[in-house]
Amino acid sequence: MNIQLFGIKKCFDTKKAERYFKERRIPFQFIDLDIKGLSKGELQSVKNAVGLNNLFNTGCKAYMRLNLDKISSSAIREELLLNNPVLYRTPIVRNGKQATVGYVPEVWDSWT
């Protein structure tokens, strides 16, 4: 199992996800989205697992400011995600080709 945890240090659900994996002694790699976003390949892998629209934090100020609710083009939405990591709903947890968005321990339990 090769777990990658993409999140923001200040995010409550990201902290809960970190605690979940630490308590079970499951090794994971933490990637801080404030410092480094998802690569194009990582985004494609996660998008294939959960769907593009599930990756967006529709409540964040940047989502409203960029009028993303009015943009329907997948290519433009993907490009905006790559360039604005603050738009991601966190945490994003990736295990190979499998991925989740948000705090979903019931799915993570099935990975072990």
Protein backbone atom coordinates (compact mmCIF):
# COMPACT_ATOMS: atom_id res chain seq x y z
CA MET A 1 0.00 0.00 0.00
CA ASN A 2 1.41 3.38 -1.06
CA ILE A 3 -0.78 6.10 0.47
CA GLN A 4 -0.47 9.72 -0.60
CA LEU A 5 -2.34 12.30 1.46
CA PHE A 6 -2.84 15.65 -0.25
CA GLY A 7 -4.13 18.34 2.07
CA ILE A 8 -3.68 21.62 3.84
CA LYS A 9 -2.17 21.70 7.34
CA LYS A 10 -4.94 23.98 8.66
CA CYS A 11 -7.77 21.76 7.35
CA PHE A 12 -9.62 19.87 10.10
CA ASP A 13 -10.44 16.87 7.87
CA THR A 14 -6.82 16.65 6.71
CA LYS A 15 -5.70 16.50 10.35
CA LYS A 16 -8.27 13.77 11.04
CA ALA A 17 -7.01 11.77 8.03
CA GLU A 18 -3.40 12.10 9.20
CA ARG A 19 -4.42 10.89 12.66
CA TYR A 20 -6.35 7.97 11.12
CA PHE A 21 -3.28 6.65 9.28
CA LYS A 22 -0.86 7.33 12.17
CA GLU A 23 -3.05 5.52 14.71
CA ARG A 24 -3.13 2.44 12.47
CA ARG A 25 0.59 2.69 11.72
CA ILE A 26 -0.13 2.90 8.00
CA PRO A 27 2.74 4.71 6.29
CA PHE A 28 1.72 7.65 4.11
CA GLN A 29 3.30 10.53 2.27
CA PHE A 30 1.85 13.96 3.07
CA ILE A 31 1.82 16.56 0.30
CA ASP A 32 0.92 20.07 1.45
CA LEU A 33 -1.26 21.69 -1.23
CA ASP A 34 -0.22 25.14 0.02
CA ILE A 35 3.34 24.31 -1.10
CA LYS A 36 2.91 21.86 -3.98
CA GLY A 37 -0.24 20.99 -5.91
CA LEU A 38 -1.11 17.82 -7.76
CA SER A 39 0.82 17.11 -10.95
CA LYS A 40 -1.11 16.67 -14.19
CA GLY A 41 -0.74 12.88 -13.95
CA GLU A 42 -1.85 12.80 -10.31
CA LEU A 43 -4.86 14.95 -11.15
CA GLN A 44 -5.84 12.58 -13.99
CA SER A 45 -5.55 9.55 -11.71
CA VAL A 46 -7.64 11.13 -8.95
CA LYS A 47 -10.16 12.53 -11.45
CA ASN A 48 -10.64 9.04 -12.94
CA ALA A 49 -11.30 7.63 -9.47
CA VAL A 50 -13.65 10.28 -8.03
CA GLY A 51 -14.77 12.55 -10.89
CA LEU A 52 -13.67 16.09 -11.63
CA ASN A 53 -16.57 17.90 -9.94
CA ASN A 54 -15.96 16.11 -6.63
CA LEU A 55 -12.49 17.67 -6.42
CA PHE A 56 -13.78 21.24 -6.10
CA ASN A 57 -14.35 23.00 -2.80
CA THR A 58 -17.47 24.86 -3.92
CA GLY A 59 -17.58 26.88 -0.70
CA CYS A 60 -14.17 28.54 -1.00
CA LYS A 61 -13.83 32.21 -1.92
CA ALA A 62 -11.65 31.44 -4.95
CA TYR A 63 -14.39 29.21 -6.41
CA MET A 64 -16.86 32.09 -6.19
CA ARG A 65 -14.35 34.70 -7.40
CA LEU A 66 -13.50 32.63 -10.50
CA ASN A 67 -17.22 31.96 -11.23
CA LEU A 68 -16.51 28.25 -11.56
CA ASP A 69 -20.19 27.43 -11.23
CA LYS A 70 -20.63 29.04 -14.67
CA ILE A 71 -17.71 27.25 -16.38
CA SER A 72 -18.70 23.92 -17.93
CA SER A 73 -15.53 23.12 -19.91
CA SER A 74 -13.64 20.24 -18.25
CA ALA A 75 -10.32 21.36 -19.74
CA ILE A 76 -10.66 24.87 -18.28
CA ARG A 77 -11.77 23.52 -14.89
CA GLU A 78 -8.78 21.12 -14.80
CA GLU A 79 -6.37 23.92 -15.71
CA LEU A 80 -7.81 26.11 -12.93
CA LEU A 81 -7.36 23.27 -10.42
CA LEU A 82 -3.74 22.76 -11.46
CA ASN A 83 -2.99 26.48 -11.07
CA ASN A 84 -5.06 27.11 -7.90
CA PRO A 85 -4.57 24.35 -5.31
CA VAL A 86 -6.84 26.28 -2.91
CA LEU A 87 -9.78 25.06 -5.05
CA TYR A 88 -9.31 21.42 -3.99
CA ARG A 89 -11.63 19.81 -1.49
CA THR A 90 -9.37 18.15 1.05
CA PRO A 91 -8.05 15.73 2.01
CA ILE A 92 -7.38 13.86 -1.20
CA VAL A 93 -6.13 10.37 -0.35
CA ARG A 94 -4.62 8.27 -3.10
CA ASN A 95 -3.69 4.59 -3.09
CA GLY A 96 -2.46 3.66 -6.56
CA LYS A 97 -5.41 4.07 -8.92
CA GLN A 98 -7.88 4.36 -6.04
CA ALA A 99 -8.64 7.74 -4.47
CA THR A 100 -11.02 9.50 -2.13
CA VAL A 101 -11.88 13.11 -1.43
CA GLY A 102 -12.81 14.18 2.06
CA TYR A 103 -12.67 12.16 5.27
CA VAL A 104 -13.88 8.64 4.37
CA PRO A 105 -12.30 6.04 6.71
CA GLU A 106 -14.78 3.36 5.64
CA VAL A 107 -13.17 3.33 2.18
CA TRP A 108 -9.63 3.45 3.61
CA ASP A 109 -10.46 0.41 5.79
CA SER A 110 -11.18 -1.59 2.63
CA TRP A 111 -7.68 -0.76 1.30
CA THR A 112 -5.89 -2.62 4.10
